[in-house]
């Protein structure tokens, strides 16, 4: 996602979702991973939101679509999407967001607005490198690094200033 296409800035949301789904299809095809219609729909729902969605949020949205999906179906779809790097789990919210850099190995760095719940995935090599250096400096072998920063997005800051 480009810097101008942040979830709290105006952007062509349909193009954003379309690009994410096209990337997911290509990535799965290249990896010979099966992106089933249910998995793709779960990914689409996540991307349409820009806000983290939990499994039961997704179950409700699928039901609105007429899907008769059970919780295990949604959890299996989420597991597939996680394993293929197409979504991230936001642990503090027990919810999922689309990965803006699905075709690249990277650390999850997230800004989470505590008011509107929008999430922005950052790509900052200096932060990733610093975390890796700090881990290595402690003789710790980091297998996965995820950083979640809670705060206020620009729109919620502006709203707070007016309250």
Protein backbone atom coordinates (compact mmCIF):
# COMPACT_ATOMS: atom_id res chain seq x y z
CA UNK A 1 0.00 0.00 0.00
CA UNK A 2 1.46 3.34 -0.93
CA UNK A 3 2.07 6.05 1.65
CA UNK A 4 -0.81 8.06 0.21
CA UNK A 5 -3.20 5.09 0.56
CA UNK A 6 -3.25 4.97 4.34
CA UNK A 7 -6.44 3.71 5.97
CA UNK A 8 -7.11 7.10 7.51
CA UNK A 9 -6.40 9.07 4.32
CA UNK A 10 -8.72 9.24 1.33
CA UNK A 11 -7.80 6.69 -1.31
CA UNK A 12 -9.40 4.48 -3.94
CA UNK A 13 -10.48 1.74 -1.55
CA UNK A 14 -11.85 -0.52 -4.31
CA UNK A 15 -8.50 -0.40 -6.09
CA UNK A 16 -6.74 -1.12 -2.78
CA UNK A 17 -8.87 -4.24 -2.20
CA UNK A 18 -8.56 -5.34 -5.83
CA UNK A 19 -4.76 -5.02 -5.70
CA UNK A 20 -4.56 -7.03 -2.47
CA UNK A 21 -6.71 -9.82 -3.93
CA UNK A 22 -4.72 -9.87 -7.19
CA UNK A 23 -1.49 -10.09 -5.20
CA UNK A 24 -2.93 -12.92 -3.07
CA UNK A 25 -3.97 -14.90 -6.16
CA UNK A 26 -0.50 -14.49 -7.67
CA UNK A 27 1.30 -15.39 -4.43
CA UNK A 28 -0.83 -18.50 -3.93
CA UNK A 29 -0.40 -19.55 -7.56
CA UNK A 30 3.39 -19.11 -7.28
CA UNK A 31 3.46 -21.15 -4.05
CA UNK A 32 0.99 -23.70 -5.37
CA UNK A 33 -1.24 -22.92 -2.40
CA UNK A 34 -4.99 -23.31 -2.87
CA UNK A 35 -6.84 -20.02 -2.42
CA UNK A 36 -10.38 -21.37 -2.18
CA UNK A 37 -13.41 -19.13 -2.70
CA UNK A 38 -14.03 -19.06 1.08
CA UNK A 39 -10.40 -18.15 1.85
CA UNK A 40 -10.49 -15.44 -0.80
CA UNK A 41 -13.78 -14.05 0.54
CA UNK A 42 -12.38 -13.94 4.09
CA UNK A 43 -9.33 -12.06 2.77
CA UNK A 44 -11.59 -9.69 0.82
CA UNK A 45 -13.69 -8.96 3.92
CA UNK A 46 -10.54 -8.22 5.91
CA UNK A 47 -9.23 -5.85 3.25
CA UNK A 48 -12.59 -4.14 2.81
CA UNK A 49 -12.57 -3.24 6.48
CA UNK A 50 -9.08 -1.71 6.99
CA UNK A 51 -9.96 -2.30 10.62
CA UNK A 52 -8.93 -5.51 12.34
CA UNK A 53 -11.64 -8.17 12.23
CA UNK A 54 -11.99 -11.09 14.60
CA UNK A 55 -13.06 -14.56 13.55
CA UNK A 56 -16.62 -14.03 14.75
CA UNK A 57 -16.82 -10.67 12.96
CA UNK A 58 -15.88 -12.54 9.79
CA UNK A 59 -18.38 -15.29 10.53
CA UNK A 60 -21.14 -12.67 10.79
CA UNK A 61 -20.10 -11.01 7.53
CA UNK A 62 -20.01 -14.37 5.76
CA UNK A 63 -23.51 -15.13 7.09
CA UNK A 64 -24.71 -11.78 5.66
CA UNK A 65 -23.31 -13.01 2.30
CA UNK A 66 -25.41 -16.17 2.60
CA UNK A 67 -22.47 -18.44 3.46
CA UNK A 68 -23.35 -21.10 6.00
CA UNK A 69 -19.83 -21.15 7.43
CA UNK A 70 -19.06 -22.59 10.85
CA UNK A 71 -16.32 -21.20 13.13
CA UNK A 72 -13.81 -23.94 12.16
CA UNK A 73 -14.15 -22.90 8.50
CA UNK A 74 -13.23 -19.31 9.34
CA UNK A 75 -10.36 -20.39 11.60
CA UNK A 76 -8.97 -22.68 8.87
CA UNK A 77 -9.21 -19.85 6.34
CA UNK A 78 -7.41 -17.49 8.73
CA UNK A 79 -4.70 -20.09 9.40
CA UNK A 80 -4.15 -20.47 5.64
CA UNK A 81 -3.99 -16.69 5.15
CA UNK A 82 -1.53 -16.33 8.06
CA UNK A 83 0.68 -19.19 6.85
CA UNK A 84 0.88 -17.60 3.41
CA UNK A 85 1.66 -14.13 4.75
CA UNK A 86 -1.56 -12.60 3.42
CA UNK A 87 -2.81 -11.35 6.80
CA UNK A 88 -1.37 -10.43 10.17
CA UNK A 89 -2.83 -11.22 13.55
CA UNK A 90 -3.07 -8.19 15.82
CA UNK A 91 -2.60 -9.95 19.16
CA UNK A 92 -3.75 -7.06 21.35
CA UNK A 93 -7.12 -7.08 19.55
CA UNK A 94 -7.29 -10.82 18.74
CA UNK A 95 -8.12 -9.76 15.20
CA UNK A 96 -6.68 -9.80 11.69
CA UNK A 97 -5.63 -7.23 9.09
CA UNK A 98 -4.50 -7.64 5.51
CA UNK A 99 -0.76 -7.68 4.92
CA UNK A 100 0.29 -4.75 2.77
CA UNK A 101 3.60 -6.44 1.87
CA UNK A 102 2.54 -10.05 1.40
CA UNK A 103 5.21 -10.90 -1.12
CA UNK A 104 8.11 -9.76 1.09
CA UNK A 105 9.52 -11.24 4.27
CA UNK A 106 9.17 -8.55 6.92
CA UNK A 107 8.45 -7.83 10.54
CA UNK A 108 4.97 -6.73 11.54
CA UNK A 109 5.04 -3.09 12.66
CA UNK A 110 1.58 -1.65 13.33
CA UNK A 111 0.07 1.66 14.38
CA UNK A 112 -3.33 0.98 15.96
CA UNK A 113 -5.76 3.81 16.64
CA UNK A 114 -7.37 3.12 19.99
CA UNK A 115 -10.47 5.16 19.06
CA UNK A 116 -11.43 4.23 15.49
CA UNK A 117 -9.42 0.95 15.45
CA UNK A 118 -7.83 1.65 12.07
CA UNK A 119 -4.53 -0.14 11.69
CA UNK A 120 -1.59 0.96 9.58
CA UNK A 121 1.17 -1.49 8.72
CA UNK A 122 4.55 0.21 8.61
CA UNK A 123 7.62 -0.78 6.70
CA UNK A 124 10.66 0.69 8.41
CA UNK A 125 13.87 -1.27 7.96
CA UNK A 126 15.61 0.76 10.67
CA UNK A 127 13.09 -0.39 13.31
CA UNK A 128 13.29 -4.00 12.13
CA UNK A 129 17.08 -3.91 12.12
CA UNK A 130 17.20 -2.35 15.60
CA UNK A 131 14.91 -5.06 16.99
CA UNK A 132 16.97 -7.80 15.36
CA UNK A 133 20.23 -6.27 16.70
CA UNK A 134 18.76 -5.94 20.20
CA UNK A 135 17.60 -9.58 20.17
CA UNK A 136 20.91 -10.85 18.84
CA UNK A 137 22.76 -8.71 21.40
CA UNK A 138 20.98 -10.69 24.11
CA UNK A 139 21.86 -14.01 22.42
CA UNK A 140 18.15 -14.40 21.71
CA UNK A 141 17.10 -16.02 18.46
CA UNK A 142 13.99 -14.08 17.40
CA UNK A 143 11.74 -16.20 15.20
CA UNK A 144 9.01 -13.63 14.72
CA UNK A 145 8.87 -9.94 15.54
CA UNK A 146 5.63 -8.01 15.77
CA UNK A 147 5.30 -4.53 17.23
CA UNK A 148 1.91 -2.99 17.99
CA UNK A 149 1.82 0.72 18.81
CA UNK A 150 -1.45 2.06 20.22
CA UNK A 151 -2.33 5.72 19.86
CA UNK A 152 -4.47 8.13 17.89
CA UNK A 153 -4.65 8.48 14.11
CA UNK A 154 -4.72 12.01 12.63
CA UNK A 155 -8.55 12.07 12.34
CA UNK A 156 -9.05 10.99 15.95
CA UNK A 157 -6.41 13.46 17.15
CA UNK A 158 -8.25 16.22 15.36
CA UNK A 159 -11.57 15.09 16.85
CA UNK A 160 -10.01 15.00 20.33
CA UNK A 161 -8.69 18.54 19.83
CA UNK A 162 -12.23 19.73 19.04
CA UNK A 163 -13.88 17.98 22.01
